[in-house]
Every structure is written in structure tokens, then in C-alpha cells.
Amino acid sequence: MRGLLALPLLFALSIVFGLGAIACSLVGARRRTRRITKAWARALLRVVGVKVVVVGLPHLPPGAAVYAANHGSVLDFPVLFGHLPVDFRIIHKRSLYFVPLINLFLHAGGHIAIDRTNPFRAQRSLVHAAEKIRGGTSVVVFPEGTRSAHGEVATFKRGSFLLAVRSGAPVVPLSLAGVKGVMPAGLRGMRTGTVRLIVHAPVPTAGRAEGEAEALAEEVRRIVAAGCAA
């Protein structure tokens, strides 16, 4: 009920901050875009009564990395944009381009769309993402591919880890613990509470072959799941 009551304010905040972030992105003011996006994310979390506790920041690597997180709800995005102190791009499903304003924000911000319905386009997007990482840009991926219905960490798909191996960047597991507790059934069942963002030690990919991507995916999934269960 809290989420439904707050919906008009959430929408207004998204319009104001979203347009500001888009404008800054279009003129190349990346640092200002990041600050606006962070302010937007934290404002949304305050409105719905969600506190975020971040653990493990010393584990953040100095260079570009692939950040792999579990996906429990739409709250994952403001939690990461508001509290992960890294300049990153989201790898997201292409269907988000059909959502007004969100599509402009994603496109202007240089976030990377994956078309899962077209293997050729998906592969081309992964190549593009690998080039960005090698150029120094970190990315955030949700290897489950979709939001978990029950809060359990599902199987991690190998594509994100194939990307990490190809780019040579380390994988940083992220556990978003408690997200399902504050949003068990969408905005209708929204509750106040605390979410923990746990940054785990990077898992290196140097020297790994592409054929090891699936094993790497399972290794990272176990770390993320353990963090969520702790």
C-alpha cells in the first residue's frame, strides 16, 4: 500500500531527475549525469522507506569490472545507482526501450541493450560490451536474466561470464539481500525495511578459456547466493 500511495511522487521524481540526467548525458556531462542519477535513486528509496547498508566497499577493484548481481525486484536499480560508487553501465533487455522516458535515459546514458530474441544481435551486443569494458567502462549484469519470483538466486546464464572472459575483466559478485522482503509482491505489497548491498572480492578471469564461462557463472552464483542467505 505504501508504494501505491507514493506512486505519484515517485513518478514526479523520475520525470524531474530523469530529464535532468538525459540532458546532461546528451551534452557529455557524464559526472553530472552520475550525480543526478544517484540523487534520483536515493530520493526514490527514501520515499518508499528503504534504507541501504553497503558492505565490502574495499573489495571494489581499481579498474573496469563486470559486476554480477542477483535480481529480485525493480528496487535493484535504485539500490545500485544510488549506492554502488562506480561509474557503470547496465546491460539490460532490449524491451526496456519500449518504456517511455526509461528508453531515453538508457540510450542517452550509453547503457547496453541485449536482444534475447535474436542470437546474432545478442552476440553483437556482447562484442560491443566487451569493447567498452576493455576501454575502461564497468558494467552491471543480472545473470539470472529475469527477476526471481521467490527471492532465491536462480541459475546464472553463461553469456555475462563469456563477456567477462573475453574482456579479461574481473567479475565482482554483488548480493542484494533483503530486496524481496521489502517488495514481496511489487508496489502493492511494498514495505519499509533495510536492504544490504554486499560487494564480494573480485573473481579473476585472466587465463580462463571461453569454455569455462559456465563454471565461472556457477562459482559467482554460489558467492552471491551465500551473501543473500547470510
Protein backbone atom coordinates (compact mmCIF):
# COMPACT_ATOMS: atom_id res chain seq x y z
CA MET A 1 0.00 0.00 0.00
CA ARG A 2 2.85 2.41 0.81
CA GLY A 3 4.21 2.05 -2.71
CA LEU A 4 0.83 2.73 -4.30
CA LEU A 5 0.31 5.84 -2.18
CA ALA A 6 3.77 7.08 -3.08
CA LEU A 7 3.35 6.37 -6.78
CA PRO A 8 2.53 9.98 -7.86
CA LEU A 9 5.61 11.30 -6.05
CA LEU A 10 7.80 8.51 -7.46
CA PHE A 11 6.58 9.38 -10.95
CA ALA A 12 7.21 13.11 -10.45
CA LEU A 13 10.73 12.48 -9.12
CA SER A 14 11.50 10.21 -12.07
CA ILE A 15 10.34 12.84 -14.55
CA VAL A 16 12.36 15.67 -12.98
CA PHE A 17 15.58 13.76 -12.32
CA GLY A 18 15.25 11.65 -15.45
CA LEU A 19 15.02 14.64 -17.76
CA GLY A 20 17.99 16.24 -16.00
CA ALA A 21 20.10 13.10 -16.40
CA ILE A 22 19.14 12.75 -20.06
CA ALA A 23 20.04 16.38 -20.78
CA CYS A 24 23.44 16.01 -19.12
CA SER A 25 24.13 12.76 -20.97
CA LEU A 26 23.34 14.34 -24.33
CA VAL A 27 25.90 17.11 -23.78
CA GLY A 28 28.54 14.70 -22.48
CA ALA A 29 28.45 15.81 -18.83
CA ARG A 30 28.94 12.27 -17.53
CA ARG A 31 29.92 13.19 -13.96
CA ARG A 32 26.89 15.40 -13.56
CA THR A 33 24.70 12.67 -15.04
CA ARG A 34 26.04 10.25 -12.45
CA ARG A 35 25.34 12.72 -9.60
CA ILE A 36 21.78 13.33 -10.79
CA THR A 37 21.11 9.61 -11.20
CA LYS A 38 22.45 8.93 -7.71
CA ALA A 39 20.25 11.68 -6.23
CA TRP A 40 17.20 10.30 -8.07
CA ALA A 41 17.83 6.76 -6.84
CA ARG A 42 18.31 7.80 -3.23
CA ALA A 43 15.21 10.01 -3.33
CA LEU A 44 13.08 7.11 -4.57
CA LEU A 45 14.38 4.85 -1.81
CA ARG A 46 13.64 7.48 0.85
CA VAL A 47 10.10 7.92 -0.41
CA VAL A 48 9.35 4.20 -0.13
CA GLY A 49 11.12 3.92 3.23
CA VAL A 50 14.02 1.67 2.21
CA LYS A 51 17.42 2.03 3.87
CA VAL A 52 20.50 0.61 2.14
CA VAL A 53 23.52 -0.71 4.04
CA VAL A 54 26.63 -1.26 1.91
CA VAL A 55 29.18 -3.89 2.94
CA GLY A 56 32.54 -4.72 1.33
CA LEU A 57 33.48 -1.50 -0.46
CA PRO A 58 37.22 -2.25 -0.01
CA HIS A 59 36.67 -5.12 -2.47
CA LEU A 60 36.00 -2.71 -5.34
CA PRO A 61 38.73 -3.17 -7.97
CA PRO A 62 40.58 -0.09 -9.28
CA GLY A 63 39.73 -0.66 -12.95
CA ALA A 64 36.85 -1.81 -15.11
CA ALA A 65 34.93 -4.88 -13.97
CA VAL A 66 31.80 -6.91 -14.62
CA TYR A 67 29.51 -6.57 -11.59
CA ALA A 68 27.16 -9.55 -11.33
CA ALA A 69 24.08 -9.14 -9.11
CA ASN A 70 21.01 -11.18 -8.26
CA HIS A 71 17.73 -9.69 -9.49
CA GLY A 72 14.84 -9.61 -7.03
CA SER A 73 12.76 -6.54 -7.94
CA VAL A 74 12.72 -3.16 -9.66
CA LEU A 75 14.31 -1.78 -6.48
CA ASP A 76 17.61 -3.32 -7.60
CA PHE A 77 18.16 -0.41 -9.98
CA PRO A 78 17.84 2.48 -7.47
CA VAL A 79 19.86 0.47 -4.92
CA LEU A 80 22.74 0.09 -7.38
CA PHE A 81 22.55 3.55 -8.95
CA GLY A 82 22.26 5.13 -5.51
CA HIS A 83 24.82 3.18 -3.54
CA LEU A 84 27.38 1.43 -5.78
CA PRO A 85 30.17 4.05 -6.02
CA VAL A 86 31.26 3.06 -9.50
CA ASP A 87 30.66 4.66 -12.90
CA PHE A 88 28.95 1.77 -14.67
CA ARG A 89 26.55 0.91 -17.47
CA ILE A 90 23.67 -1.53 -17.12
CA ILE A 91 23.34 -4.42 -19.56
CA HIS A 92 19.58 -4.68 -19.95
CA LYS A 93 16.95 -6.39 -22.05
CA ARG A 94 16.06 -4.53 -25.22
CA SER A 95 12.33 -4.48 -24.37
CA LEU A 96 13.01 -1.66 -21.88
CA TYR A 97 13.37 0.62 -24.89
CA PHE A 98 9.58 0.45 -25.21
CA VAL A 99 9.11 2.16 -21.82
CA PRO A 100 8.74 5.96 -22.20
CA LEU A 101 11.44 8.08 -20.50
CA ILE A 102 13.31 4.94 -19.42
CA ASN A 103 14.24 4.38 -23.07
CA LEU A 104 15.69 7.90 -23.37
CA PHE A 105 17.60 7.54 -20.10
CA LEU A 106 19.12 4.21 -21.13
CA HIS A 107 20.02 5.36 -24.63
CA ALA A 108 21.44 8.74 -23.62
CA GLY A 109 23.41 7.15 -20.76
CA GLY A 110 25.13 4.64 -23.02
CA HIS A 111 23.63 1.59 -21.34
CA ILE A 112 23.77 -1.62 -23.36
CA ALA A 113 20.69 -3.45 -24.67
CA ILE A 114 20.64 -7.19 -25.37
CA ASP A 115 18.08 -8.55 -27.82
CA ARG A 116 17.49 -12.06 -26.48
CA THR A 117 15.11 -12.90 -29.31
CA ASN A 118 17.86 -12.54 -31.92
CA PRO A 119 21.08 -14.54 -31.28
CA PHE A 120 23.05 -12.54 -33.89
CA ARG A 121 22.11 -9.19 -32.36
CA ALA A 122 22.72 -10.53 -28.85
CA GLN A 123 26.21 -11.66 -29.85
CA ARG A 124 26.92 -8.28 -31.46
CA SER A 125 25.82 -6.52 -28.25
CA LEU A 126 28.19 -8.69 -26.20
CA VAL A 127 31.06 -7.77 -28.53
CA HIS A 128 30.17 -4.09 -28.09
CA ALA A 129 30.03 -4.52 -24.30
CA ALA A 130 33.43 -6.26 -24.25
CA GLU A 131 34.92 -3.34 -26.19
CA LYS A 132 33.51 -0.89 -23.64
CA ILE A 133 34.99 -2.87 -20.75
CA ARG A 134 38.41 -3.05 -22.39
CA GLY A 135 38.12 0.72 -22.84
CA GLY A 136 37.72 1.16 -19.09
CA THR A 137 33.94 1.08 -18.58
CA SER A 138 32.45 -1.16 -15.90
CA VAL A 139 29.13 -2.91 -16.48
CA VAL A 140 26.44 -4.35 -14.21
CA VAL A 141 24.74 -7.56 -15.26
CA PHE A 142 21.84 -9.60 -13.87
CA PRO A 143 22.86 -13.10 -14.96
CA GLU A 144 19.57 -14.70 -13.90
CA GLY A 145 18.02 -12.99 -16.92
CA THR A 146 14.80 -12.07 -15.14
CA ARG A 147 13.56 -11.17 -11.67
CA SER A 148 13.38 -14.02 -9.17
CA ALA A 149 9.78 -14.80 -8.20
CA HIS A 150 10.61 -16.19 -4.75
CA GLY A 151 13.82 -14.43 -3.79
CA GLU A 152 16.06 -17.45 -4.35
CA VAL A 153 19.09 -16.91 -6.57
CA ALA A 154 18.39 -18.80 -9.80
CA THR A 155 20.86 -20.22 -12.31
CA PHE A 156 23.26 -17.67 -13.77
CA LYS A 157 23.36 -17.72 -17.56
CA ARG A 158 26.80 -18.02 -19.13
CA GLY A 159 26.55 -15.03 -21.52
CA SER A 160 27.58 -12.44 -18.93
CA PHE A 161 30.61 -14.52 -17.96
CA LEU A 162 31.59 -15.14 -21.54
CA LEU A 163 31.66 -11.33 -21.77
CA ALA A 164 33.94 -11.13 -18.73
CA VAL A 165 36.34 -13.76 -20.10
CA ARG A 166 36.52 -12.04 -23.48
CA SER A 167 37.22 -8.66 -21.94
CA GLY A 168 39.68 -10.01 -19.37
CA ALA A 169 37.95 -8.02 -16.62
CA PRO A 170 37.35 -9.47 -13.15
CA VAL A 171 33.84 -10.40 -12.06
CA VAL A 172 32.68 -8.73 -8.85
CA PRO A 173 29.77 -10.64 -7.25
CA LEU A 174 27.08 -8.41 -5.71
CA SER A 175 24.49 -9.72 -3.25
CA LEU A 176 21.28 -7.67 -2.98
CA ALA A 177 19.99 -9.08 0.30
CA GLY A 178 16.55 -8.25 1.65
CA VAL A 179 15.09 -6.76 -1.53
CA LYS A 180 12.33 -9.36 -1.70
CA GLY A 181 11.48 -8.66 1.94
CA VAL A 182 10.64 -5.00 1.29
CA MET A 183 8.99 -5.68 -2.07
CA PRO A 184 7.48 -9.20 -1.92
CA ALA A 185 4.75 -8.54 -4.48
CA GLY A 186 5.53 -5.34 -6.36
CA LEU A 187 4.39 -1.88 -5.30
CA ARG A 188 1.12 -3.25 -3.91
CA GLY A 189 2.92 -5.04 -1.07
CA MET A 190 5.73 -2.52 -0.55
CA ARG A 191 7.12 -2.39 2.99
CA THR A 192 9.67 -0.25 4.76
CA GLY A 193 12.90 -2.00 5.65
CA THR A 194 16.61 -2.42 5.05
CA VAL A 195 18.43 -3.82 2.02
CA ARG A 196 22.06 -4.86 2.13
CA LEU A 197 24.32 -4.39 -0.86
CA ILE A 198 27.25 -6.76 -0.35
CA VAL A 199 30.34 -6.32 -2.54
CA HIS A 200 32.35 -9.53 -2.65
CA ALA A 201 36.00 -10.00 -3.59
CA PRO A 202 36.62 -9.93 -7.37
CA VAL A 203 36.85 -13.25 -9.19
CA PRO A 204 39.68 -13.01 -11.77
CA THR A 205 39.12 -14.11 -15.37
CA ALA A 206 42.71 -13.80 -16.64
CA GLY A 207 43.83 -17.07 -18.19
CA ARG A 208 40.34 -18.55 -18.33
CA ALA A 209 39.09 -20.03 -21.60
CA GLU A 210 35.66 -19.25 -23.05
CA GLY A 211 34.69 -22.86 -22.36
CA GLU A 212 34.99 -22.12 -18.63
CA ALA A 213 32.25 -19.46 -18.70
CA GLU A 214 29.59 -21.82 -17.35
CA ALA A 215 31.78 -22.93 -14.43
CA LEU A 216 32.59 -19.28 -13.71
CA ALA A 217 28.87 -18.48 -13.72
CA GLU A 218 28.18 -21.15 -11.11
CA GLU A 219 31.15 -20.05 -8.99
CA VAL A 220 29.85 -16.48 -8.90
CA ARG A 221 26.25 -17.62 -8.32
CA ARG A 222 27.29 -19.52 -5.19
CA ILE A 223 29.04 -16.44 -3.80
CA VAL A 224 26.02 -14.21 -4.49
CA ALA A 225 23.57 -16.75 -3.03
CA ALA A 226 25.66 -17.16 0.13
CA GLY A 227 25.64 -13.39 0.62
CA CYS A 228 21.87 -13.22 0.22
CA ALA A 229 21.37 -16.05 2.72
CA ALA A 230 23.70 -14.65 5.39
